[in-house]
Amino acid sequence: MELWLVYALLTVVAYGLGEGLSKEPTVRLGPGRMLALYSLYSVPIYTGWFLLGARDAILSPEGIAFGLGSGVCGAVGTALWFVAVEKGNASVVSGFTAAYPVITVVAAVVGLGATLLPAQVAAIAFLVAGASLLGFAGRDGGPSAGRRWLAPMLIAVLLWGVWGIFEKLAIEEIGFAANAGLYVVSSTPIYLLVARWDTPGREPWDGRAIREAQPSLFLFAVAGITVFLAIGMGPLAVVVPLTTAYPVVAILVRRLWKEERMSLFQKIAVGFSMLGALLAGL
């Protein structure tokens, strides 16, 4: 088994479990506080990665620009994703995230000369169909109810799609360690600004919610490492769609552990998204 595939599968498991466990603490703490706590895990990991490998890094203006762009797109997308999780059905939001590889794959084909197989073309069609259906469905499956999560999620999908391209280009230009350092420099201020903006008017910090948030935040930090490695080592047009299979894990956690229900309409939409993610990894 290729090493990039191992890292991609680890990303699927870590992100999926993290998403499945993140709904309740996000509602109780708010997106800003979750991001502030997330930075406590991610900053030491990425900083340590940078310090260990910085000697071998060769910085270039293009590489720095790609690394900073990756950090900004990834951080803003993550902040908006937490907003969507707070406002929407966690299973539906998780299923919708399967749409973001469409942006990355199209950009990889147009800008990087990647080649798509027929299965991957079909995958994009299923991902778009699934995302469109989820956007149409409300919290209860109807076309007009509970869609406050949709706008932040749409923007997050677009930003994550661009992030995938920037990430691949940055790693190829300046390497893993330097990219990790730039990611910290560009993403951490965004996390802290969102935390400051979101905190006023909320209840005091809830100790129990903080404890409940720890497993998901730790898993997100681990997945942040494995997805960097998978993107850097493997073919971008395959790695990014493959890693979006993680909503399957998240939905299973929500259904089996948290007993979160979905309407038939939402199940069909999530099924399209998951089938697209599966075909993209073939």
C-alpha atoms as a PDB file:
ATOM      1  CA  MET A   1       0.000   0.000   0.000  1.00  0.00           C
ATOM      2  CA  GLU A   2       1.327   3.434  -0.963  1.00  0.00           C
ATOM      3  CA  LEU A   3       2.347   5.579   2.016  1.00  0.00           C
ATOM      4  CA  TRP A   4       0.219   8.510   0.834  1.00  0.00           C
ATOM      5  CA  LEU A   5      -2.799   6.200   0.851  1.00  0.00           C
ATOM      6  CA  VAL A   6      -2.093   5.216   4.471  1.00  0.00           C
ATOM      7  CA  TYR A   7      -1.999   8.881   5.451  1.00  0.00           C
ATOM      8  CA  ALA A   8      -5.180   9.577   3.474  1.00  0.00           C
ATOM      9  CA  LEU A   9      -7.041   6.767   5.260  1.00  0.00           C
ATOM     10  CA  LEU A  10      -5.780   7.959   8.644  1.00  0.00           C
ATOM     11  CA  THR A  11      -7.135  11.385   7.722  1.00  0.00           C
ATOM     12  CA  VAL A  12     -10.535   9.870   6.946  1.00  0.00           C
ATOM     13  CA  VAL A  13     -10.723   8.170  10.348  1.00  0.00           C
ATOM     14  CA  ALA A  14      -9.358  11.080  12.409  1.00  0.00           C
ATOM     15  CA  TYR A  15     -11.431  13.790  10.727  1.00  0.00           C
ATOM     16  CA  GLY A  16     -14.536  11.607  10.746  1.00  0.00           C
ATOM     17  CA  LEU A  17     -14.347  10.811  14.450  1.00  0.00           C
ATOM     18  CA  GLY A  18     -13.520  14.439  15.228  1.00  0.00           C
ATOM     19  CA  GLU A  19     -16.485  15.768  13.274  1.00  0.00           C
ATOM     20  CA  GLY A  20     -18.813  13.235  14.805  1.00  0.00           C
ATOM     21  CA  LEU A  21     -17.881  14.339  18.319  1.00  0.00           C
ATOM     22  CA  SER A  22     -17.729  18.100  17.719  1.00  0.00           C
ATOM     23  CA  LYS A  23     -21.400  19.148  17.538  1.00  0.00           C
ATOM     24  CA  GLU A  24     -22.274  19.316  21.252  1.00  0.00           C
ATOM     25  CA  PRO A  25     -19.163  21.182  22.482  1.00  0.00           C
ATOM     26  CA  THR A  26     -19.425  23.601  19.526  1.00  0.00           C
ATOM     27  CA  VAL A  27     -23.008  24.480  20.451  1.00  0.00           C
ATOM     28  CA  ARG A  28     -22.082  25.010  24.103  1.00  0.00           C
ATOM     29  CA  LEU A  29     -18.804  26.851  23.589  1.00  0.00           C
ATOM     30  CA  GLY A  30     -19.354  28.538  20.234  1.00  0.00           C
ATOM     31  CA  PRO A  31     -17.206  28.418  17.092  1.00  0.00           C
ATOM     32  CA  GLY A  32     -14.736  31.031  18.355  1.00  0.00           C
ATOM     33  CA  ARG A  33     -13.848  29.188  21.535  1.00  0.00           C
ATOM     34  CA  MET A  34     -13.548  25.906  19.680  1.00  0.00           C
ATOM     35  CA  LEU A  35     -11.060  27.549  17.315  1.00  0.00           C
ATOM     36  CA  ALA A  36      -9.110  29.015  20.237  1.00  0.00           C
ATOM     37  CA  LEU A  37      -8.898  25.565  21.829  1.00  0.00           C
ATOM     38  CA  TYR A  38      -7.988  24.019  18.494  1.00  0.00           C
ATOM     39  CA  SER A  39      -5.038  26.363  18.186  1.00  0.00           C
ATOM     40  CA  LEU A  40      -3.699  25.021  21.504  1.00  0.00           C
ATOM     41  CA  TYR A  41      -3.276  21.647  19.777  1.00  0.00           C
ATOM     42  CA  SER A  42      -2.303  22.684  16.268  1.00  0.00           C
ATOM     43  CA  VAL A  43       0.195  25.468  17.012  1.00  0.00           C
ATOM     44  CA  PRO A  44       2.644  23.327  19.057  1.00  0.00           C
ATOM     45  CA  ILE A  45       2.451  20.474  16.536  1.00  0.00           C
ATOM     46  CA  TYR A  46       3.050  22.600  13.444  1.00  0.00           C
ATOM     47  CA  THR A  47       5.672  24.737  15.190  1.00  0.00           C
ATOM     48  CA  GLY A  48       7.551  21.620  16.287  1.00  0.00           C
ATOM     49  CA  TRP A  49       7.363  20.243  12.752  1.00  0.00           C
ATOM     50  CA  PHE A  50       8.806  23.501  11.429  1.00  0.00           C
ATOM     51  CA  LEU A  51      11.639  23.591  13.975  1.00  0.00           C
ATOM     52  CA  LEU A  52      12.638  19.997  13.268  1.00  0.00           C
ATOM     53  CA  GLY A  53      12.842  20.457   9.508  1.00  0.00           C
ATOM     54  CA  ALA A  54      13.497  24.169   9.033  1.00  0.00           C
ATOM     55  CA  ARG A  55      17.206  23.714   8.325  1.00  0.00           C
ATOM     56  CA  ASP A  56      16.503  21.855   5.096  1.00  0.00           C
ATOM     57  CA  ALA A  57      13.835  24.284   3.917  1.00  0.00           C
ATOM     58  CA  ILE A  58      14.569  26.492   0.909  1.00  0.00           C
ATOM     59  CA  LEU A  59      12.172  29.427   0.963  1.00  0.00           C
ATOM     60  CA  SER A  60      11.092  31.163  -2.210  1.00  0.00           C
ATOM     61  CA  PRO A  61       8.675  34.072  -2.729  1.00  0.00           C
ATOM     62  CA  GLU A  62       6.266  31.791  -4.576  1.00  0.00           C
ATOM     63  CA  GLY A  63       6.434  29.117  -1.893  1.00  0.00           C
ATOM     64  CA  ILE A  64       5.852  31.659   0.881  1.00  0.00           C
ATOM     65  CA  ALA A  65       2.848  33.054  -0.988  1.00  0.00           C
ATOM     66  CA  PHE A  66       1.387  29.568  -1.495  1.00  0.00           C
ATOM     67  CA  GLY A  67       1.979  28.656   2.162  1.00  0.00           C
ATOM     68  CA  LEU A  68       0.358  31.826   3.470  1.00  0.00           C
ATOM     69  CA  GLY A  69      -2.546  31.409   1.045  1.00  0.00           C
ATOM     70  CA  SER A  70      -3.030  27.854   2.246  1.00  0.00           C
ATOM     71  CA  GLY A  71      -3.117  28.973   5.871  1.00  0.00           C
ATOM     72  CA  VAL A  72      -5.603  31.778   5.263  1.00  0.00           C
ATOM     73  CA  CYS A  73      -7.980  29.666   3.146  1.00  0.00           C
ATOM     74  CA  GLY A  74      -7.777  26.723   5.522  1.00  0.00           C
ATOM     75  CA  ALA A  75      -8.302  28.824   8.658  1.00  0.00           C
ATOM     76  CA  VAL A  76     -11.224  30.879   7.352  1.00  0.00           C
ATOM     77  CA  GLY A  77     -12.823  27.726   5.930  1.00  0.00           C
ATOM     78  CA  THR A  78     -12.452  25.956   9.281  1.00  0.00           C
ATOM     79  CA  ALA A  79     -13.940  28.917  11.158  1.00  0.00           C
ATOM     80  CA  LEU A  80     -16.969  28.944   8.848  1.00  0.00           C
ATOM     81  CA  TRP A  81     -17.300  25.182   9.176  1.00  0.00           C
ATOM     82  CA  PHE A  82     -17.606  25.520  12.972  1.00  0.00           C
ATOM     83  CA  VAL A  83     -20.304  28.157  12.419  1.00  0.00           C
ATOM     84  CA  ALA A  84     -22.165  25.736  10.127  1.00  0.00           C
ATOM     85  CA  VAL A  85     -21.850  22.898  12.668  1.00  0.00           C
ATOM     86  CA  GLU A  86     -23.305  25.101  15.397  1.00  0.00           C
ATOM     87  CA  LYS A  87     -26.288  26.115  13.255  1.00  0.00           C
ATOM     88  CA  GLY A  88     -27.062  22.918  11.337  1.00  0.00           C
ATOM     89  CA  ASN A  89     -27.594  19.201  11.558  1.00  0.00           C
ATOM     90  CA  ALA A  90     -24.102  17.745  12.080  1.00  0.00           C
ATOM     91  CA  SER A  91     -24.704  14.781   9.770  1.00  0.00           C
ATOM     92  CA  VAL A  92     -25.918  17.030   6.954  1.00  0.00           C
ATOM     93  CA  VAL A  93     -23.049  19.495   7.362  1.00  0.00           C
ATOM     94  CA  SER A  94     -20.569  16.606   7.340  1.00  0.00           C
ATOM     95  CA  GLY A  95     -22.090  15.222   4.156  1.00  0.00           C
ATOM     96  CA  PHE A  96     -21.926  18.625   2.482  1.00  0.00           C
ATOM     97  CA  THR A  97     -18.161  18.864   3.025  1.00  0.00           C
ATOM     98  CA  ALA A  98     -17.739  16.128   0.409  1.00  0.00           C
ATOM     99  CA  ALA A  99     -18.325  18.818  -2.232  1.00  0.00           C
ATOM    100  CA  TYR A 100     -15.104  20.754  -1.705  1.00  0.00           C
ATOM    101  CA  PRO A 101     -12.849  18.413  -3.743  1.00  0.00           C
ATOM    102  CA  VAL A 102     -14.723  19.512  -6.864  1.00  0.00           C
ATOM    103  CA  ILE A 103     -12.984  22.884  -6.617  1.00  0.00           C
ATOM    104  CA  THR A 104      -9.578  21.317  -5.991  1.00  0.00           C
ATOM    105  CA  VAL A 105      -9.882  18.691  -8.723  1.00  0.00           C
ATOM    106  CA  VAL A 106     -11.059  21.148 -11.382  1.00  0.00           C
ATOM    107  CA  ALA A 107      -8.215  23.512 -10.488  1.00  0.00           C
ATOM    108  CA  ALA A 108      -5.731  20.628 -10.550  1.00  0.00           C
ATOM    109  CA  VAL A 109      -6.890  19.626 -14.029  1.00  0.00           C
ATOM    110  CA  VAL A 110      -6.875  23.165 -15.421  1.00  0.00           C
ATOM    111  CA  GLY A 111      -3.838  24.569 -13.659  1.00  0.00           C
ATOM    112  CA  LEU A 112      -1.623  21.584 -12.840  1.00  0.00           C
ATOM    113  CA  GLY A 113      -2.301  19.364 -15.838  1.00  0.00           C
ATOM    114  CA  ALA A 114      -3.851  16.533 -13.823  1.00  0.00           C
ATOM    115  CA  THR A 115      -5.810  13.862 -15.709  1.00  0.00           C
ATOM    116  CA  LEU A 116      -9.215  12.595 -14.600  1.00  0.00           C
ATOM    117  CA  LEU A 117     -10.418   9.043 -15.068  1.00  0.00           C
ATOM    118  CA  PRO A 118     -14.070   8.385 -16.019  1.00  0.00           C
ATOM    119  CA  ALA A 119     -14.771   7.266 -12.440  1.00  0.00           C
ATOM    120  CA  GLN A 120     -13.492  10.577 -11.130  1.00  0.00           C
ATOM    121  CA  VAL A 121     -15.687  12.518 -13.544  1.00  0.00           C
ATOM    122  CA  ALA A 122     -18.673  10.531 -12.259  1.00  0.00           C
ATOM    123  CA  ALA A 123     -17.495  11.248  -8.715  1.00  0.00           C
ATOM    124  CA  ILE A 124     -17.610  14.984  -9.302  1.00  0.00           C
ATOM    125  CA  ALA A 125     -21.160  14.674 -10.652  1.00  0.00           C
ATOM    126  CA  PHE A 126     -22.294  12.765  -7.548  1.00  0.00           C
ATOM    127  CA  LEU A 127     -20.553  15.226  -5.223  1.00  0.00           C
ATOM    128  CA  VAL A 128     -22.244  18.190  -6.873  1.00  0.00           C
ATOM    129  CA  ALA A 129     -25.616  16.418  -6.795  1.00  0.00           C
ATOM    130  CA  GLY A 130     -25.235  15.523  -3.127  1.00  0.00           C
ATOM    131  CA  ALA A 131     -24.167  19.020  -2.131  1.00  0.00           C
ATOM    132  CA  SER A 132     -27.043  20.569  -4.106  1.00  0.00           C
ATOM    133  CA  LEU A 133     -29.600  18.301  -2.469  1.00  0.00           C
ATOM    134  CA  LEU A 134     -28.225  19.017   0.988  1.00  0.00           C
ATOM    135  CA  GLY A 135     -28.391  22.720   0.286  1.00  0.00           C
ATOM    136  CA  PHE A 136     -32.043  22.360  -0.746  1.00  0.00           C
ATOM    137  CA  ALA A 137     -32.976  20.291   2.297  1.00  0.00           C
ATOM    138  CA  GLY A 138     -33.583  22.011   5.592  1.00  0.00           C
ATOM    139  CA  ARG A 139     -33.025  20.597   9.037  1.00  0.00           C
ATOM    140  CA  ASP A 140     -36.176  18.490   8.740  1.00  0.00           C
ATOM    141  CA  GLY A 141     -35.670  17.630   5.068  1.00  0.00           C
ATOM    142  CA  GLY A 142     -37.947  20.330   3.686  1.00  0.00           C
ATOM    143  CA  PRO A 143     -36.821  22.917   1.170  1.00  0.00           C
ATOM    144  CA  SER A 144     -37.156  25.980   3.380  1.00  0.00           C
ATOM    145  CA  ALA A 145     -36.395  25.033   6.976  1.00  0.00           C
ATOM    146  CA  GLY A 146     -33.221  25.495   8.964  1.00  0.00           C
ATOM    147  CA  ARG A 147     -30.712  26.546   6.321  1.00  0.00           C
ATOM    148  CA  ARG A 148     -28.728  29.115   8.312  1.00  0.00           C
ATOM    149  CA  TRP A 149     -25.745  26.769   8.060  1.00  0.00           C
ATOM    150  CA  LEU A 150     -25.757  26.798   4.261  1.00  0.00           C
ATOM    151  CA  ALA A 151     -24.084  30.148   3.502  1.00  0.00           C
ATOM    152  CA  PRO A 152     -21.051  29.619   5.784  1.00  0.00           C
ATOM    153  CA  MET A 153     -20.733  26.047   4.550  1.00  0.00           C
ATOM    154  CA  LEU A 154     -20.765  27.078   0.884  1.00  0.00           C
ATOM    155  CA  ILE A 155     -17.978  29.584   1.493  1.00  0.00           C
ATOM    156  CA  ALA A 156     -16.036  27.001   3.517  1.00  0.00           C
ATOM    157  CA  VAL A 157     -16.286  24.511   0.644  1.00  0.00           C
ATOM    158  CA  LEU A 158     -14.911  27.064  -1.819  1.00  0.00           C
ATOM    159  CA  LEU A 159     -12.061  28.040   0.494  1.00  0.00           C
ATOM    160  CA  TRP A 160     -11.118  24.431   1.255  1.00  0.00           C
ATOM    161  CA  GLY A 161     -11.066  23.707  -2.465  1.00  0.00           C
ATOM    162  CA  VAL A 162      -8.567  26.523  -3.018  1.00  0.00           C
ATOM    163  CA  TRP A 163      -6.664  25.412   0.088  1.00  0.00           C
ATOM    164  CA  GLY A 164      -5.977  22.009  -1.495  1.00  0.00           C
ATOM    165  CA  ILE A 165      -4.262  23.635  -4.473  1.00  0.00           C
ATOM    166  CA  PHE A 166      -2.224  26.068  -2.385  1.00  0.00           C
ATOM    167  CA  GLU A 167      -1.199  23.262  -0.045  1.00  0.00           C
ATOM    168  CA  LYS A 168       0.125  21.044  -2.845  1.00  0.00           C
ATOM    169  CA  LEU A 169       2.019  23.920  -4.481  1.00  0.00           C
ATOM    170  CA  ALA A 170       3.505  25.097  -1.184  1.00  0.00           C
ATOM    171  CA  ILE A 171       4.753  21.642  -0.196  1.00  0.00           C
ATOM    172  CA  GLU A 172       6.316  21.093  -3.613  1.00  0.00           C
ATOM    173  CA  GLU A 173       8.008  24.514  -3.483  1.00  0.00           C
ATOM    174  CA  ILE A 174       9.270  24.768   0.120  1.00  0.00           C
ATOM    175  CA  GLY A 175       8.686  21.365   1.736  1.00  0.00           C
ATOM    176  CA  PHE A 176       6.561  20.087   4.614  1.00  0.00           C
ATOM    177  CA  ALA A 177       8.320  21.817   7.522  1.00  0.00           C
ATOM    178  CA  ALA A 178       8.374  25.342   6.090  1.00  0.00           C
ATOM    179  CA  ASN A 179       4.766  24.969   4.971  1.00  0.00           C
ATOM    180  CA  ALA A 180       3.771  23.956   8.505  1.00  0.00           C
ATOM    181  CA  GLY A 181       5.472  27.071   9.898  1.00  0.00           C
ATOM    182  CA  LEU A 182       3.726  29.353   7.428  1.00  0.00           C
ATOM    183  CA  TYR A 183       0.419  27.672   8.168  1.00  0.00           C
ATOM    184  CA  VAL A 184       0.787  28.532  11.860  1.00  0.00           C
ATOM    185  CA  VAL A 185       1.812  32.136  11.130  1.00  0.00           C
ATOM    186  CA  SER A 186      -1.176  32.775   8.854  1.00  0.00           C
ATOM    187  CA  SER A 187      -3.905  30.700  10.530  1.00  0.00           C
ATOM    188  CA  THR A 188      -3.417  31.360  14.249  1.00  0.00           C
ATOM    189  CA  PRO A 189      -4.241  35.114  14.145  1.00  0.00           C
ATOM    190  CA  ILE A 190      -7.427  34.280  12.250  1.00  0.00           C
ATOM    191  CA  TYR A 191      -8.470  31.708  14.855  1.00  0.00           C
ATOM    192  CA  LEU A 192      -7.844  34.158  17.700  1.00  0.00           C
ATOM    193  CA  LEU A 193      -9.657  37.024  15.943  1.00  0.00           C
ATOM    194  CA  VAL A 194     -12.721  34.820  15.388  1.00  0.00           C
ATOM    195  CA  ALA A 195     -12.563  33.712  19.028  1.00  0.00           C
ATOM    196  CA  ARG A 196     -12.500  37.343  20.192  1.00  0.00           C
ATOM    197  CA  TRP A 197     -15.367  38.304  17.882  1.00  0.00           C
ATOM    198  CA  ASP A 198     -17.535  35.327  18.837  1.00  0.00           C
ATOM    199  CA  THR A 199     -17.067  35.366  22.619  1.00  0.00           C
ATOM    200  CA  PRO A 200     -19.026  38.504  23.708  1.00  0.00           C
ATOM    201  CA  GLY A 201     -22.592  37.700  24.725  1.00  0.00           C
ATOM    202  CA  ARG A 202     -21.984  33.999  25.245  1.00  0.00           C
ATOM    203  CA  GLU A 203     -22.205  32.116  28.499  1.00  0.00           C
ATOM    204  CA  PRO A 204     -19.024  31.755  30.602  1.00  0.00           C
ATOM    205  CA  TRP A 205     -16.609  28.990  29.629  1.00  0.00           C
ATOM    206  CA  ASP A 206     -18.178  25.613  30.375  1.00  0.00           C
ATOM    207  CA  GLY A 207     -15.633  23.237  31.922  1.00  0.00           C
ATOM    208  CA  ARG A 208     -17.593  20.153  30.943  1.00  0.00           C
ATOM    209  CA  ALA A 209     -17.885  21.331  27.329  1.00  0.00           C
ATOM    210  CA  ILE A 210     -14.135  21.998  27.246  1.00  0.00           C
ATOM    211  CA  ARG A 211     -13.489  18.419  28.363  1.00  0.00           C
ATOM    212  CA  GLU A 212     -15.943  17.110  25.767  1.00  0.00           C
ATOM    213  CA  ALA A 213     -14.178  19.117  23.054  1.00  0.00           C
ATOM    214  CA  GLN A 214     -10.722  17.654  23.756  1.00  0.00           C
ATOM    215  CA  PRO A 215     -11.082  14.366  21.800  1.00  0.00           C
ATOM    216  CA  SER A 216     -12.394  16.052  18.640  1.00  0.00           C
ATOM    217  CA  LEU A 217      -9.770  18.816  18.754  1.00  0.00           C
ATOM    218  CA  PHE A 218      -6.973  16.294  19.249  1.00  0.00           C
ATOM    219  CA  LEU A 219      -8.268  14.237  16.315  1.00  0.00           C
ATOM    220  CA  PHE A 220      -8.458  17.370  14.133  1.00  0.00           C
ATOM    221  CA  ALA A 221      -4.833  18.159  14.977  1.00  0.00           C
ATOM    222  CA  VAL A 222      -3.731  14.628  14.043  1.00  0.00           C
ATOM    223  CA  ALA A 223      -5.711  14.788  10.802  1.00  0.00           C
ATOM    224  CA  GLY A 224      -4.067  18.124   9.995  1.00  0.00           C
ATOM    225  CA  ILE A 225      -0.712  16.341   9.911  1.00  0.00           C
ATOM    226  CA  THR A 226      -1.830  13.288   7.961  1.00  0.00           C
ATOM    227  CA  VAL A 227      -3.656  15.310   5.300  1.00  0.00           C
ATOM    228  CA  PHE A 228      -0.539  17.466   4.752  1.00  0.00           C
ATOM    229  CA  LEU A 229       1.510  14.316   4.235  1.00  0.00           C
ATOM    230  CA  ALA A 230      -1.071  12.689   1.949  1.00  0.00           C
ATOM    231  CA  ILE A 231      -1.391  15.794  -0.246  1.00  0.00           C
ATOM    232  CA  GLY A 232       2.363  16.260  -0.423  1.00  0.00           C
ATOM    233  CA  MET A 233       3.132  12.645  -1.346  1.00  0.00           C
ATOM    234  CA  GLY A 234       0.189  11.600  -3.494  1.00  0.00           C
ATOM    235  CA  PRO A 235      -1.677  12.744  -6.633  1.00  0.00           C
ATOM    236  CA  LEU A 236      -3.772  15.771  -5.666  1.00  0.00           C
ATOM    237  CA  ALA A 237      -6.733  14.925  -7.913  1.00  0.00           C
ATOM    238  CA  VAL A 238      -7.093  11.583  -6.087  1.00  0.00           C
ATOM    239  CA  VAL A 239      -5.964  12.375  -2.540  1.00  0.00           C
ATOM    240  CA  VAL A 240      -8.347  15.263  -1.881  1.00  0.00           C
ATOM    241  CA  PRO A 241     -11.528  13.490  -3.063  1.00  0.00           C
ATOM    242  CA  LEU A 242     -10.481  10.314  -1.220  1.00  0.00           C
ATOM    243  CA  THR A 243     -10.018  12.095   2.095  1.00  0.00           C
ATOM    244  CA  THR A 244     -13.561  13.435   1.870  1.00  0.00           C
ATOM    245  CA  ALA A 245     -14.825   9.966   2.701  1.00  0.00           C
ATOM    246  CA  TYR A 246     -14.481  11.052   6.339  1.00  0.00           C
ATOM    247  CA  PRO A 247     -18.131  12.231   6.529  1.00  0.00           C
ATOM    248  CA  VAL A 248     -19.080   8.534   6.371  1.00  0.00           C
ATOM    249  CA  VAL A 249     -17.292   8.051   9.691  1.00  0.00           C
ATOM    250  CA  ALA A 250     -18.799  11.251  11.116  1.00  0.00           C
ATOM    251  CA  ILE A 251     -22.324  10.254  10.095  1.00  0.00           C
ATOM    252  CA  LEU A 252     -21.916   6.794  11.599  1.00  0.00           C
ATOM    253  CA  VAL A 253     -20.793   8.376  14.871  1.00  0.00           C
ATOM    254  CA  ARG A 254     -23.793  10.728  14.856  1.00  0.00           C
ATOM    255  CA  ARG A 255     -26.229   7.943  14.015  1.00  0.00           C
ATOM    256  CA  LEU A 256     -24.891   5.162  16.249  1.00  0.00           C
ATOM    257  CA  TRP A 257     -23.495   7.096  19.195  1.00  0.00           C
ATOM    258  CA  LYS A 258     -25.356  10.407  19.282  1.00  0.00           C
ATOM    259  CA  GLU A 259     -28.585   8.978  17.780  1.00  0.00           C
ATOM    260  CA  GLU A 260     -28.983  11.937  15.417  1.00  0.00           C
ATOM    261  CA  ARG A 261     -31.723  11.330  12.882  1.00  0.00           C
ATOM    262  CA  MET A 262     -31.853  12.372   9.248  1.00  0.00           C
ATOM    263  CA  SER A 263     -34.810  12.582   6.906  1.00  0.00           C
ATOM    264  CA  LEU A 264     -35.050  10.322   3.849  1.00  0.00           C
ATOM    265  CA  PHE A 265     -34.298  13.345   1.645  1.00  0.00           C
ATOM    266  CA  GLN A 266     -31.112  14.036   3.592  1.00  0.00           C
ATOM    267  CA  LYS A 267     -30.073  10.379   3.537  1.00  0.00           C
ATOM    268  CA  ILE A 268     -30.337  10.330  -0.263  1.00  0.00           C
ATOM    269  CA  ALA A 269     -28.287  13.530  -0.509  1.00  0.00           C
ATOM    270  CA  VAL A 270     -25.580  12.225   1.827  1.00  0.00           C
ATOM    271  CA  GLY A 271     -25.581   8.949  -0.120  1.00  0.00           C
ATOM    272  CA  PHE A 272     -24.807  10.844  -3.346  1.00  0.00           C
ATOM    273  CA  SER A 273     -21.972  12.684  -1.606  1.00  0.00           C
ATOM    274  CA  MET A 274     -20.472   9.506  -0.153  1.00  0.00           C
ATOM    275  CA  LEU A 275     -20.733   7.649  -3.469  1.00  0.00           C
ATOM    276  CA  GLY A 276     -18.913  10.531  -5.116  1.00  0.00           C
ATOM    277  CA  ALA A 277     -16.150  10.415  -2.514  1.00  0.00           C
ATOM    278  CA  LEU A 278     -15.819   6.642  -2.997  1.00  0.00           C
ATOM    279  CA  LEU A 279     -15.596   6.881  -6.789  1.00  0.00           C
ATOM    280  CA  ALA A 280     -13.029   9.666  -6.514  1.00  0.00           C
ATOM    281  CA  GLY A 281     -10.687   7.340  -4.658  1.00  0.00           C
ATOM    282  CA  LEU A 282     -10.816   4.526  -7.206  1.00  0.00           C
END
